[in-house]
C-alpha atoms as a PDB file:
ATOM      1  CA  UNK A   1       0.000   0.000   0.000  1.00  0.00           C
ATOM      2  CA  UNK A   2       1.435   3.346  -1.015  1.00  0.00           C
ATOM      3  CA  UNK A   3       1.761   6.327   1.274  1.00  0.00           C
ATOM      4  CA  UNK A   4      -0.990   8.896   0.914  1.00  0.00           C
ATOM      5  CA  UNK A   5       0.129  12.358  -0.085  1.00  0.00           C
ATOM      6  CA  UNK A   6      -1.473  14.846   2.291  1.00  0.00           C
ATOM      7  CA  UNK A   7      -2.550  18.244   0.973  1.00  0.00           C
ATOM      8  CA  UNK A   8      -2.203  21.028   3.520  1.00  0.00           C
ATOM      9  CA  UNK A   9      -5.465  21.832   5.289  1.00  0.00           C
ATOM     10  CA  UNK A  10      -5.547  24.862   7.560  1.00  0.00           C
ATOM     11  CA  UNK A  11      -7.582  23.501  10.481  1.00  0.00           C
ATOM     12  CA  UNK A  12      -7.761  26.998  11.975  1.00  0.00           C
ATOM     13  CA  UNK A  13      -9.951  28.084   9.068  1.00  0.00           C
ATOM     14  CA  UNK A  14     -12.557  25.406   9.782  1.00  0.00           C
ATOM     15  CA  UNK A  15     -15.693  26.083  11.855  1.00  0.00           C
ATOM     16  CA  UNK A  16     -15.135  26.023  15.622  1.00  0.00           C
ATOM     17  CA  UNK A  17     -17.734  23.293  16.216  1.00  0.00           C
ATOM     18  CA  UNK A  18     -15.975  21.051  13.690  1.00  0.00           C
ATOM     19  CA  UNK A  19     -12.595  21.710  15.327  1.00  0.00           C
ATOM     20  CA  UNK A  20     -14.126  20.801  18.702  1.00  0.00           C
ATOM     21  CA  UNK A  21     -15.282  17.487  17.230  1.00  0.00           C
ATOM     22  CA  UNK A  22     -11.821  16.865  15.817  1.00  0.00           C
ATOM     23  CA  UNK A  23     -10.264  17.592  19.231  1.00  0.00           C
ATOM     24  CA  UNK A  24     -12.664  15.060  20.789  1.00  0.00           C
ATOM     25  CA  UNK A  25     -11.567  12.395  18.308  1.00  0.00           C
ATOM     26  CA  UNK A  26      -7.899  13.092  19.037  1.00  0.00           C
ATOM     27  CA  UNK A  27      -8.429  13.093  22.813  1.00  0.00           C
ATOM     28  CA  UNK A  28     -10.750  10.104  23.157  1.00  0.00           C
ATOM     29  CA  UNK A  29     -10.130   7.693  20.308  1.00  0.00           C
ATOM     30  CA  UNK A  30      -7.554   8.412  17.634  1.00  0.00           C
ATOM     31  CA  UNK A  31      -4.772  10.919  18.364  1.00  0.00           C
ATOM     32  CA  UNK A  32      -3.403  10.559  14.825  1.00  0.00           C
ATOM     33  CA  UNK A  33      -6.591  11.552  12.958  1.00  0.00           C
ATOM     34  CA  UNK A  34      -5.910  14.171  10.311  1.00  0.00           C
ATOM     35  CA  UNK A  35      -7.804  16.070   7.664  1.00  0.00           C
ATOM     36  CA  UNK A  36      -6.404  15.002   4.345  1.00  0.00           C
ATOM     37  CA  UNK A  37      -8.643  17.218   2.189  1.00  0.00           C
ATOM     38  CA  UNK A  38     -11.708  19.412   2.109  1.00  0.00           C
ATOM     39  CA  UNK A  39     -14.043  18.690  -0.784  1.00  0.00           C
ATOM     40  CA  UNK A  40     -17.181  20.804  -1.005  1.00  0.00           C
ATOM     41  CA  UNK A  41     -18.722  20.857   2.488  1.00  0.00           C
ATOM     42  CA  UNK A  42     -16.895  17.742   3.679  1.00  0.00           C
ATOM     43  CA  UNK A  43     -13.585  17.228   5.424  1.00  0.00           C
ATOM     44  CA  UNK A  44     -11.946  13.928   4.534  1.00  0.00           C
ATOM     45  CA  UNK A  45     -10.674  12.429   7.783  1.00  0.00           C
ATOM     46  CA  UNK A  46      -7.754  10.013   7.616  1.00  0.00           C
ATOM     47  CA  UNK A  47      -8.606   7.292  10.129  1.00  0.00           C
ATOM     48  CA  UNK A  48      -5.414   5.324   9.620  1.00  0.00           C
ATOM     49  CA  UNK A  49      -4.787   1.773   8.501  1.00  0.00           C
ATOM     50  CA  UNK A  50      -6.912  -1.293   9.069  1.00  0.00           C
ATOM     51  CA  UNK A  51      -4.994  -4.532   8.634  1.00  0.00           C
ATOM     52  CA  UNK A  52      -5.591  -8.221   8.944  1.00  0.00           C
ATOM     53  CA  UNK A  53      -4.224  -9.621  12.184  1.00  0.00           C
ATOM     54  CA  UNK A  54      -3.737  -6.138  13.638  1.00  0.00           C
ATOM     55  CA  UNK A  55      -3.185  -5.617  17.351  1.00  0.00           C
ATOM     56  CA  UNK A  56      -6.114  -3.177  17.652  1.00  0.00           C
ATOM     57  CA  UNK A  57      -9.179  -5.383  17.203  1.00  0.00           C
ATOM     58  CA  UNK A  58     -11.411  -2.395  16.438  1.00  0.00           C
ATOM     59  CA  UNK A  59      -9.135  -1.532  13.499  1.00  0.00           C
ATOM     60  CA  UNK A  60      -8.639  -5.108  12.338  1.00  0.00           C
ATOM     61  CA  UNK A  61      -9.460  -5.768   8.689  1.00  0.00           C
ATOM     62  CA  UNK A  62     -11.480  -8.976   8.451  1.00  0.00           C
ATOM     63  CA  UNK A  63     -10.125 -11.809   6.285  1.00  0.00           C
ATOM     64  CA  UNK A  64     -13.116 -11.562   3.917  1.00  0.00           C
ATOM     65  CA  UNK A  65     -11.038  -9.217   1.739  1.00  0.00           C
ATOM     66  CA  UNK A  66      -8.235  -9.982  -0.706  1.00  0.00           C
ATOM     67  CA  UNK A  67      -6.248  -7.025   0.635  1.00  0.00           C
ATOM     68  CA  UNK A  68      -4.204  -7.445   3.803  1.00  0.00           C
ATOM     69  CA  UNK A  69      -4.374  -3.738   4.683  1.00  0.00           C
ATOM     70  CA  UNK A  70      -6.361  -0.659   3.755  1.00  0.00           C
ATOM     71  CA  UNK A  71      -6.202   3.049   4.539  1.00  0.00           C
ATOM     72  CA  UNK A  72      -9.547   4.284   5.885  1.00  0.00           C
ATOM     73  CA  UNK A  73     -11.145   7.701   5.383  1.00  0.00           C
ATOM     74  CA  UNK A  74     -14.496   9.192   6.405  1.00  0.00           C
ATOM     75  CA  UNK A  75     -16.374  12.201   5.004  1.00  0.00           C
ATOM     76  CA  UNK A  76     -17.433  14.535   7.807  1.00  0.00           C
ATOM     77  CA  UNK A  77     -19.538  17.641   7.109  1.00  0.00           C
ATOM     78  CA  UNK A  78     -17.883  20.879   8.116  1.00  0.00           C
ATOM     79  CA  UNK A  79     -21.152  21.972   9.732  1.00  0.00           C
ATOM     80  CA  UNK A  80     -21.349  18.945  12.053  1.00  0.00           C
ATOM     81  CA  UNK A  81     -23.423  18.410  14.221  1.00  0.00           C
ATOM     82  CA  UNK A  82     -26.038  20.114  12.015  1.00  0.00           C
ATOM     83  CA  UNK A  83     -25.495  17.706   9.113  1.00  0.00           C
ATOM     84  CA  UNK A  84     -24.770  13.996   8.898  1.00  0.00           C
ATOM     85  CA  UNK A  85     -21.504  12.493   7.714  1.00  0.00           C
ATOM     86  CA  UNK A  86     -21.855  10.508   4.518  1.00  0.00           C
ATOM     87  CA  UNK A  87     -19.514   7.977   3.019  1.00  0.00           C
ATOM     88  CA  UNK A  88     -16.404   5.995   3.802  1.00  0.00           C
ATOM     89  CA  UNK A  89     -13.427   5.694   1.458  1.00  0.00           C
ATOM     90  CA  UNK A  90     -10.584   3.205   1.314  1.00  0.00           C
ATOM     91  CA  UNK A  91      -7.237   3.027  -0.446  1.00  0.00           C
ATOM     92  CA  UNK A  92      -7.055   0.628  -2.123  1.00  0.00           C
ATOM     93  CA  UNK A  93     -10.606  -0.205  -3.095  1.00  0.00           C
ATOM     94  CA  UNK A  94     -11.442  -3.439  -1.296  1.00  0.00           C
ATOM     95  CA  UNK A  95     -12.318  -6.706  -3.045  1.00  0.00           C
ATOM     96  CA  UNK A  96     -13.988  -9.640  -1.338  1.00  0.00           C
ATOM     97  CA  UNK A  97     -11.987 -12.855  -1.446  1.00  0.00           C
ATOM     98  CA  UNK A  98     -15.159 -14.807  -2.308  1.00  0.00           C
ATOM     99  CA  UNK A  99     -15.833 -12.383  -5.229  1.00  0.00           C
ATOM    100  CA  UNK A 100     -19.331 -11.566  -3.926  1.00  0.00           C
ATOM    101  CA  UNK A 101     -20.520  -8.022  -4.581  1.00  0.00           C
ATOM    102  CA  UNK A 102     -20.368  -5.598  -1.676  1.00  0.00           C
ATOM    103  CA  UNK A 103     -23.426  -3.629  -0.776  1.00  0.00           C
ATOM    104  CA  UNK A 104     -23.009   0.143  -1.220  1.00  0.00           C
ATOM    105  CA  UNK A 105     -19.390  -0.144  -2.446  1.00  0.00           C
ATOM    106  CA  UNK A 106     -18.204   1.744  -5.532  1.00  0.00           C
ATOM    107  CA  UNK A 107     -14.688   1.704  -7.016  1.00  0.00           C
ATOM    108  CA  UNK A 108     -13.185   5.016  -8.151  1.00  0.00           C
ATOM    109  CA  UNK A 109     -13.845   4.091 -11.761  1.00  0.00           C
ATOM    110  CA  UNK A 110     -17.602   4.367 -11.136  1.00  0.00           C
ATOM    111  CA  UNK A 111     -18.074   6.964  -8.410  1.00  0.00           C
ATOM    112  CA  UNK A 112     -17.473  10.702  -8.740  1.00  0.00           C
ATOM    113  CA  UNK A 113     -16.515  11.301  -5.080  1.00  0.00           C
ATOM    114  CA  UNK A 114     -13.951   8.502  -5.059  1.00  0.00           C
ATOM    115  CA  UNK A 115     -12.563   9.644  -8.399  1.00  0.00           C
ATOM    116  CA  UNK A 116     -12.203  13.303  -7.347  1.00  0.00           C
ATOM    117  CA  UNK A 117     -10.595  12.316  -4.028  1.00  0.00           C
ATOM    118  CA  UNK A 118      -8.218   9.938  -5.811  1.00  0.00           C
ATOM    119  CA  UNK A 119      -7.266  12.618  -8.334  1.00  0.00           C
ATOM    120  CA  UNK A 120      -6.642  15.157  -5.554  1.00  0.00           C
ATOM    121  CA  UNK A 121      -4.217  12.881  -3.696  1.00  0.00           C
ATOM    122  CA  UNK A 122      -2.750  11.032  -6.680  1.00  0.00           C
ATOM    123  CA  UNK A 123      -4.352   7.627  -6.067  1.00  0.00           C
ATOM    124  CA  UNK A 124      -6.162   5.705  -8.795  1.00  0.00           C
ATOM    125  CA  UNK A 125      -7.576   2.871  -6.686  1.00  0.00           C
ATOM    126  CA  UNK A 126     -10.067   4.405  -4.238  1.00  0.00           C
ATOM    127  CA  UNK A 127     -13.195   2.686  -2.971  1.00  0.00           C
ATOM    128  CA  UNK A 128     -16.250   4.642  -1.864  1.00  0.00           C
ATOM    129  CA  UNK A 129     -18.879   3.167   0.429  1.00  0.00           C
ATOM    130  CA  UNK A 130     -22.266   4.883   0.214  1.00  0.00           C
ATOM    131  CA  UNK A 131     -23.005   4.830   3.890  1.00  0.00           C
ATOM    132  CA  UNK A 132     -25.162   7.269   5.737  1.00  0.00           C
ATOM    133  CA  UNK A 133     -24.778   7.731   9.439  1.00  0.00           C
ATOM    134  CA  UNK A 134     -28.424   7.461  10.423  1.00  0.00           C
ATOM    135  CA  UNK A 135     -28.579   7.010  14.160  1.00  0.00           C
ATOM    136  CA  UNK A 136     -25.121   8.422  14.818  1.00  0.00           C
ATOM    137  CA  UNK A 137     -25.296  10.905  17.720  1.00  0.00           C
ATOM    138  CA  UNK A 138     -25.291  14.548  16.594  1.00  0.00           C
ATOM    139  CA  UNK A 139     -26.239  16.496  19.710  1.00  0.00           C
ATOM    140  CA  UNK A 140     -22.941  18.306  20.152  1.00  0.00           C
ATOM    141  CA  UNK A 141     -19.613  18.719  18.315  1.00  0.00           C
ATOM    142  CA  UNK A 142     -17.878  16.082  20.478  1.00  0.00           C
ATOM    143  CA  UNK A 143     -20.269  13.466  19.050  1.00  0.00           C
ATOM    144  CA  UNK A 144     -18.074  13.482  15.930  1.00  0.00           C
ATOM    145  CA  UNK A 145     -15.927  10.980  17.842  1.00  0.00           C
ATOM    146  CA  UNK A 146     -18.427   8.265  16.818  1.00  0.00           C
ATOM    147  CA  UNK A 147     -17.351   8.571  13.179  1.00  0.00           C
ATOM    148  CA  UNK A 148     -14.211   6.488  13.826  1.00  0.00           C
ATOM    149  CA  UNK A 149     -16.025   3.372  15.002  1.00  0.00           C
ATOM    150  CA  UNK A 150     -18.850   3.806  12.489  1.00  0.00           C
ATOM    151  CA  UNK A 151     -16.385   3.874   9.586  1.00  0.00           C
ATOM    152  CA  UNK A 152     -14.479   0.853  10.900  1.00  0.00           C
ATOM    153  CA  UNK A 153     -17.760  -1.003  11.452  1.00  0.00           C
ATOM    154  CA  UNK A 154     -18.812  -0.408   7.823  1.00  0.00           C
ATOM    155  CA  UNK A 155     -15.595  -2.052   6.619  1.00  0.00           C
ATOM    156  CA  UNK A 156     -15.822  -4.929   9.099  1.00  0.00           C
ATOM    157  CA  UNK A 157     -19.357  -5.671   7.884  1.00  0.00           C
ATOM    158  CA  UNK A 158     -18.153  -6.062   4.310  1.00  0.00           C
END
């Protein structure tokens, strides 16, 4: 898996509520979370690597995939908590070992969001998971912390 080239995002220019949510993620769950890009009204959060046999069971990539590791990203609206996150992206695009189709999964060749994100960071093989976050808490900015587990859960479910 290649390293992801990170465009510079000025976090200070983002809305305060969004920055508060980002601080909550870094404090409570994932200190290494970063914003890799801003596309339209969404920040693309880099949630790190999921790998098969990993030491962190919440970030373990299940063996249902051909790939041994994947970089995970989530789309978070800049006006969170007033809008829902939508979509999970992976580099590379995942493929099931049993060749069964994956519900709500779109490779970069067939999905505009995955293609534009891939072009921005110089990656051709990006998978996009159409996944809404219905039921995710959105009462306060710190609720953005839930996005990490929700994104990982989507990938674990295949």
